[in-house]
C-alpha atoms as a PDB file:
ATOM      1  CA  MET A   1     -10.831 -46.246 -16.334  1.00  0.00           C
ATOM      2  CA  ASP A   2     -12.257 -49.592 -17.512  1.00  0.00           C
ATOM      3  CA  ALA A   3     -15.654 -48.656 -16.099  1.00  0.00           C
ATOM      4  CA  ARG A   4     -15.659 -45.362 -17.980  1.00  0.00           C
ATOM      5  CA  VAL A   5     -14.794 -47.154 -21.214  1.00  0.00           C
ATOM      6  CA  TYR A   6     -17.570 -49.697 -20.688  1.00  0.00           C
ATOM      7  CA  THR A   7     -19.984 -46.838 -20.000  1.00  0.00           C
ATOM      8  CA  GLU A   8     -19.029 -45.075 -23.214  1.00  0.00           C
ATOM      9  CA  LEU A   9     -19.335 -48.358 -25.118  1.00  0.00           C
ATOM     10  CA  ARG A  10     -22.821 -48.765 -23.593  1.00  0.00           C
ATOM     11  CA  LYS A  11     -21.951 -51.996 -21.827  1.00  0.00           C
ATOM     12  CA  PRO A  12     -23.681 -51.300 -18.505  1.00  0.00           C
ATOM     13  CA  LEU A  13     -23.521 -54.862 -17.211  1.00  0.00           C
ATOM     14  CA  ARG A  14     -19.753 -54.498 -17.160  1.00  0.00           C
ATOM     15  CA  ALA A  15     -19.625 -50.841 -16.149  1.00  0.00           C
ATOM     16  CA  VAL A  16     -22.042 -50.772 -13.197  1.00  0.00           C
ATOM     17  CA  PRO A  17     -20.284 -53.314 -10.950  1.00  0.00           C
ATOM     18  CA  LEU A  18     -16.910 -51.690 -11.577  1.00  0.00           C
ATOM     19  CA  LEU A  19     -18.249 -48.222 -10.839  1.00  0.00           C
ATOM     20  CA  GLN A  20     -20.034 -49.384  -7.701  1.00  0.00           C
ATOM     21  CA  GLU A  21     -16.801 -51.001  -6.517  1.00  0.00           C
ATOM     22  CA  VAL A  22     -14.767 -47.851  -7.150  1.00  0.00           C
ATOM     23  CA  LEU A  23     -17.357 -45.610  -5.520  1.00  0.00           C
ATOM     24  CA  SER A  24     -17.647 -47.832  -2.453  1.00  0.00           C
ATOM     25  CA  ARG A  25     -14.036 -47.107  -1.542  1.00  0.00           C
ATOM     26  CA  TYR A  26     -13.567 -43.655  -3.053  1.00  0.00           C
ATOM     27  CA  ASP A  27     -12.263 -40.939  -0.771  1.00  0.00           C
ATOM     28  CA  SER A  28     -15.101 -38.438  -0.375  1.00  0.00           C
ATOM     29  CA  THR A  29     -12.633 -35.561  -0.021  1.00  0.00           C
ATOM     30  CA  HIS A  30     -12.051 -35.790  -3.792  1.00  0.00           C
ATOM     31  CA  THR A  31     -15.438 -34.272  -4.522  1.00  0.00           C
ATOM     32  CA  ARG A  32     -14.929 -33.466  -8.198  1.00  0.00           C
ATOM     33  CA  GLU A  33     -13.707 -36.962  -9.074  1.00  0.00           C
ATOM     34  CA  LEU A  34     -16.458 -38.545  -6.992  1.00  0.00           C
ATOM     35  CA  ALA A  35     -19.055 -36.484  -8.865  1.00  0.00           C
ATOM     36  CA  LEU A  36     -17.577 -37.501 -12.219  1.00  0.00           C
ATOM     37  CA  TYR A  37     -17.633 -41.200 -11.372  1.00  0.00           C
ATOM     38  CA  LEU A  38     -21.217 -40.853 -10.148  1.00  0.00           C
ATOM     39  CA  SER A  39     -22.104 -39.321 -13.505  1.00  0.00           C
ATOM     40  CA  TRP A  40     -20.741 -42.373 -15.326  1.00  0.00           C
ATOM     41  CA  LEU A  41     -22.654 -44.612 -12.933  1.00  0.00           C
ATOM     42  CA  ALA A  42     -25.891 -42.716 -13.608  1.00  0.00           C
ATOM     43  CA  VAL A  43     -25.414 -43.051 -17.369  1.00  0.00           C
ATOM     44  CA  ALA A  44     -24.586 -46.756 -17.098  1.00  0.00           C
ATOM     45  CA  LEU A  45     -27.669 -47.323 -14.952  1.00  0.00           C
ATOM     46  CA  VAL A  46     -29.861 -45.596 -17.543  1.00  0.00           C
ATOM     47  CA  ASP A  47     -28.335 -47.828 -20.210  1.00  0.00           C
ATOM     48  CA  ALA A  48     -29.097 -50.816 -17.966  1.00  0.00           C
ATOM     49  CA  ASN A  49     -32.743 -49.666 -17.820  1.00  0.00           C
ATOM     50  CA  GLU A  50     -32.525 -48.842 -14.117  1.00  0.00           C
ATOM     51  CA  PRO A  51     -33.832 -45.259 -14.132  1.00  0.00           C
ATOM     52  CA  GLU A  52     -34.703 -45.119 -10.419  1.00  0.00           C
ATOM     53  CA  GLU A  53     -31.148 -46.081  -9.447  1.00  0.00           C
ATOM     54  CA  ALA A  54     -29.799 -43.725 -12.097  1.00  0.00           C
ATOM     55  CA  ALA A  55     -31.826 -40.902 -10.554  1.00  0.00           C
ATOM     56  CA  LEU A  56     -30.285 -41.614  -7.138  1.00  0.00           C
ATOM     57  CA  ALA A  57     -26.762 -41.521  -8.566  1.00  0.00           C
ATOM     58  CA  ALA A  58     -27.601 -38.396 -10.563  1.00  0.00           C
ATOM     59  CA  ARG A  59     -28.989 -36.602  -7.506  1.00  0.00           C
ATOM     60  CA  ARG A  60     -25.860 -37.399  -5.510  1.00  0.00           C
ATOM     61  CA  MET A  61     -23.649 -36.288  -8.395  1.00  0.00           C
ATOM     62  CA  LEU A  62     -25.532 -33.041  -8.922  1.00  0.00           C
ATOM     63  CA  ASP A  63     -25.627 -32.273  -5.192  1.00  0.00           C
ATOM     64  CA  LEU A  64     -21.855 -32.721  -4.988  1.00  0.00           C
ATOM     65  CA  SER A  65     -21.308 -30.625  -8.114  1.00  0.00           C
ATOM     66  CA  ALA A  66     -23.231 -27.706  -6.658  1.00  0.00           C
ATOM     67  CA  ASP A  67     -20.447 -27.124  -4.116  1.00  0.00           C
ATOM     68  CA  PHE A  68     -17.701 -26.228  -6.622  1.00  0.00           C
ATOM     69  CA  ALA A  69     -17.198 -24.804 -10.093  1.00  0.00           C
ATOM     70  CA  SER A  70     -16.030 -27.251 -12.743  1.00  0.00           C
ATOM     71  CA  ASP A  71     -16.752 -27.129 -16.446  1.00  0.00           C
ATOM     72  CA  ARG A  72     -16.304 -30.883 -16.706  1.00  0.00           C
ATOM     73  CA  THR A  73     -18.828 -31.740 -13.976  1.00  0.00           C
ATOM     74  CA  THR A  74     -21.242 -29.192 -15.427  1.00  0.00           C
ATOM     75  CA  GLN A  75     -20.934 -30.879 -18.818  1.00  0.00           C
ATOM     76  CA  ARG A  76     -21.359 -34.347 -17.282  1.00  0.00           C
ATOM     77  CA  GLY A  77     -24.409 -33.097 -15.376  1.00  0.00           C
ATOM     78  CA  ARG A  78     -26.030 -32.026 -18.634  1.00  0.00           C
ATOM     79  CA  ILE A  79     -25.293 -35.427 -20.165  1.00  0.00           C
ATOM     80  CA  VAL A  80     -26.833 -37.211 -17.177  1.00  0.00           C
ATOM     81  CA  LEU A  81     -29.977 -35.067 -17.270  1.00  0.00           C
ATOM     82  CA  THR A  82     -30.345 -35.638 -21.011  1.00  0.00           C
ATOM     83  CA  LYS A  83     -30.034 -39.408 -20.524  1.00  0.00           C
ATOM     84  CA  LEU A  84     -32.708 -39.317 -17.797  1.00  0.00           C
ATOM     85  CA  GLU A  85     -35.202 -37.277 -19.828  1.00  0.00           C
ATOM     86  CA  PRO A  86     -36.876 -40.265 -21.580  1.00  0.00           C
ATOM     87  CA  PHE A  87     -37.789 -41.584 -18.110  1.00  0.00           C
ATOM     88  CA  ARG A  88     -39.492 -38.382 -16.939  1.00  0.00           C
ATOM     89  CA  ASP A  89     -42.694 -40.301 -16.136  1.00  0.00           C
ATOM     90  CA  ILE A  90     -40.930 -42.080 -13.280  1.00  0.00           C
ATOM     91  CA  PRO A  91     -41.355 -40.027 -10.075  1.00  0.00           C
ATOM     92  CA  GLU A  92     -37.719 -40.288  -8.933  1.00  0.00           C
ATOM     93  CA  VAL A  93     -36.482 -39.187 -12.333  1.00  0.00           C
ATOM     94  CA  ARG A  94     -39.026 -36.382 -12.641  1.00  0.00           C
ATOM     95  CA  GLU A  95     -37.962 -35.027  -9.254  1.00  0.00           C
ATOM     96  CA  VAL A  96     -34.299 -34.906 -10.305  1.00  0.00           C
ATOM     97  CA  LEU A  97     -35.134 -33.318 -13.650  1.00  0.00           C
ATOM     98  CA  ASP A  98     -37.445 -30.730 -12.110  1.00  0.00           C
ATOM     99  CA  THR A  99     -34.873 -29.866  -9.452  1.00  0.00           C
ATOM    100  CA  TYR A 100     -31.731 -29.666 -11.580  1.00  0.00           C
ATOM    101  CA  ALA A 101     -32.730 -29.085 -15.197  1.00  0.00           C
ATOM    102  CA  ALA A 102     -33.529 -25.430 -14.608  1.00  0.00           C
END
């Protein structure tokens, strides 16, 4: 929860390590929750000016989200893609946007 708050407060230097820690030990059978936490990581990485890493987290999040229907993950996916848009010139970001924005 702290990591989500730091993400919303746009304090990525606090959010990213917490999210990486949580995700490193998160049970992959909880796909929806894993996708949500990846979405917060992607946003925090964008705020930390790490668009390539954000694109990796976003791709993983969006790939996981494709396997189930959830309004919340769909909404978070849109937020992540919107946050990535200013970095479209970066190949990793462009690939994610071209693949998932449609």
